[in-house]
Amino acid sequence: MSQYVRSIVVKRDFENDKVVMALKPVGFGDALKFKNIDVENLKEDDIPEIFGSLKKYVTSLSGLKADDGTDVTMDEMFSDFYFSTLLIDMLTEWVGKGSPKNPSLPGASQGESQPG
């Protein structure tokens, strides 16, 4: 049986909030596009593209509150710079959880051993 999951849950503590985000697995095209991003050296112009294209995978967000006690919306989280480090951290874990640990080689039959 594969280790494929249809929903990936990422949890983080953020300023006394317990943030929980559930996401669908990353799509092939987006995984290839963002696989080698160096999050330490992101350019300001890169961030809206990255967050904008990954937002579609989020199925739920809970636990993140504004200072007035109301829920922070997904739109706010993905558009306000205030949450950039939280988003980068959560999305990095999500991509890692959604990637196979020992992917099969293309064209290899099931009986063949895989390197690694």
Protein backbone atom coordinates (compact mmCIF):
# COMPACT_ATOMS: atom_id res chain seq x y z
CA MET A 1 0.00 0.00 0.00
CA SER A 2 1.28 3.48 -0.82
CA GLN A 3 1.82 6.21 1.75
CA TYR A 4 -0.31 8.65 -0.27
CA VAL A 5 -2.65 10.82 1.79
CA ARG A 6 -5.50 12.92 0.45
CA SER A 7 -5.34 15.51 3.21
CA ILE A 8 -2.20 16.88 4.83
CA VAL A 9 -2.57 18.60 8.19
CA VAL A 10 0.03 21.12 9.33
CA LYS A 11 -0.06 22.57 12.85
CA ARG A 12 1.87 25.53 14.22
CA ASP A 13 1.91 27.72 17.30
CA PHE A 14 1.80 31.39 16.31
CA GLU A 15 1.63 34.16 18.90
CA ASN A 16 -0.31 31.99 21.39
CA ASP A 17 -2.66 30.67 18.67
CA LYS A 18 -2.79 26.98 17.72
CA VAL A 19 -3.02 27.22 13.93
CA VAL A 20 -4.22 24.18 11.98
CA MET A 21 -4.25 24.08 8.20
CA ALA A 22 -5.49 21.14 6.10
CA LEU A 23 -4.36 20.96 2.49
CA LYS A 24 -4.77 18.76 -0.56
CA PRO A 25 -1.52 17.24 -1.86
CA VAL A 26 0.56 19.58 -4.01
CA GLY A 27 0.02 19.32 -7.76
CA PHE A 28 2.79 18.06 -9.99
CA GLY A 29 3.38 21.35 -11.81
CA ASP A 30 3.50 23.40 -8.62
CA ALA A 31 5.78 20.88 -6.92
CA LEU A 32 8.28 21.15 -9.75
CA LYS A 33 8.02 24.93 -9.82
CA PHE A 34 8.64 25.41 -6.09
CA LYS A 35 10.75 22.39 -5.16
CA ASN A 36 14.09 24.19 -5.19
CA ILE A 37 13.05 27.55 -3.76
CA ASP A 38 15.51 28.89 -1.22
CA VAL A 39 13.14 30.29 1.40
CA GLU A 40 16.00 32.18 3.08
CA ASN A 41 16.63 34.18 -0.10
CA LEU A 42 13.15 34.81 -1.44
CA LYS A 43 12.69 38.04 -3.33
CA GLU A 44 9.75 40.23 -2.41
CA ASP A 45 8.33 39.79 -5.93
CA ASP A 46 8.35 35.98 -5.56
CA ILE A 47 6.13 35.81 -2.49
CA PRO A 48 2.73 36.77 -4.02
CA GLU A 49 3.21 34.24 -6.84
CA ILE A 50 4.16 31.45 -4.44
CA PHE A 51 1.39 32.11 -1.95
CA GLY A 52 -1.19 32.79 -4.67
CA SER A 53 -0.59 29.52 -6.45
CA LEU A 54 -0.56 27.44 -3.26
CA LYS A 55 -3.66 28.94 -1.64
CA LYS A 56 -5.92 26.78 -3.84
CA TYR A 57 -4.73 23.67 -1.99
CA VAL A 58 -5.94 24.82 1.44
CA THR A 59 -9.16 23.07 2.45
CA SER A 60 -9.44 24.49 5.97
CA LEU A 61 -7.78 26.94 8.33
CA SER A 62 -8.53 27.23 12.04
CA GLY A 63 -7.12 28.64 15.25
CA LEU A 64 -5.63 31.87 13.92
CA LYS A 65 -7.15 34.90 15.65
CA ALA A 66 -6.89 38.66 15.20
CA ASP A 67 -6.31 40.90 18.22
CA ASP A 68 -10.09 41.38 18.58
CA GLY A 69 -10.63 37.61 18.94
CA THR A 70 -12.18 37.06 15.52
CA ASP A 71 -10.89 34.41 13.12
CA VAL A 72 -8.27 35.46 10.58
CA THR A 73 -9.58 34.50 7.15
CA MET A 74 -7.62 32.52 4.61
CA ASP A 75 -7.59 35.59 2.33
CA GLU A 76 -6.06 37.68 5.12
CA MET A 77 -3.47 35.04 5.93
CA PHE A 78 -2.37 34.73 2.31
CA SER A 79 -2.34 38.46 1.55
CA ASP A 80 -1.01 40.15 4.69
CA PHE A 81 2.76 40.28 5.12
CA TYR A 82 2.29 39.83 8.86
CA PHE A 83 1.78 36.09 8.32
CA SER A 84 4.60 35.51 5.81
CA THR A 85 6.93 33.57 8.13
CA LEU A 86 4.05 31.41 9.40
CA LEU A 87 2.96 30.66 5.84
CA ILE A 88 6.46 29.84 4.62
CA ASP A 89 6.97 27.49 7.57
CA MET A 90 3.62 25.74 7.13
CA LEU A 91 3.85 25.45 3.35
CA THR A 92 7.40 24.10 3.52
CA GLU A 93 6.23 21.32 5.84
CA TRP A 94 3.23 20.65 3.58
CA VAL A 95 5.37 20.18 0.48
CA GLY A 96 7.67 17.84 2.43
CA LYS A 97 4.77 15.76 3.77
CA GLY A 98 3.25 15.53 0.29
CA SER A 99 6.42 14.25 -1.37
CA PRO A 100 7.24 10.55 -1.51
CA LYS A 101 10.26 9.63 0.60
CA ASN A 102 11.65 7.10 -1.90
CA PRO A 103 9.90 7.76 -5.21
CA SER A 104 9.95 4.95 -7.75
CA LEU A 105 12.05 5.42 -10.82
CA PRO A 106 10.05 5.96 -14.03
CA GLY A 107 9.83 2.79 -16.08
CA ALA A 108 10.95 0.47 -13.29
CA SER A 109 8.85 -2.63 -12.78
CA GLN A 110 7.57 -3.53 -9.34
CA GLY A 111 10.03 -6.39 -8.98
CA GLU A 112 13.09 -4.23 -9.57
CA SER A 113 14.95 -2.85 -6.61
CA GLN A 114 15.28 0.90 -6.31
CA PRO A 115 18.54 2.65 -5.45
CA GLY A 116 18.76 4.48 -2.18
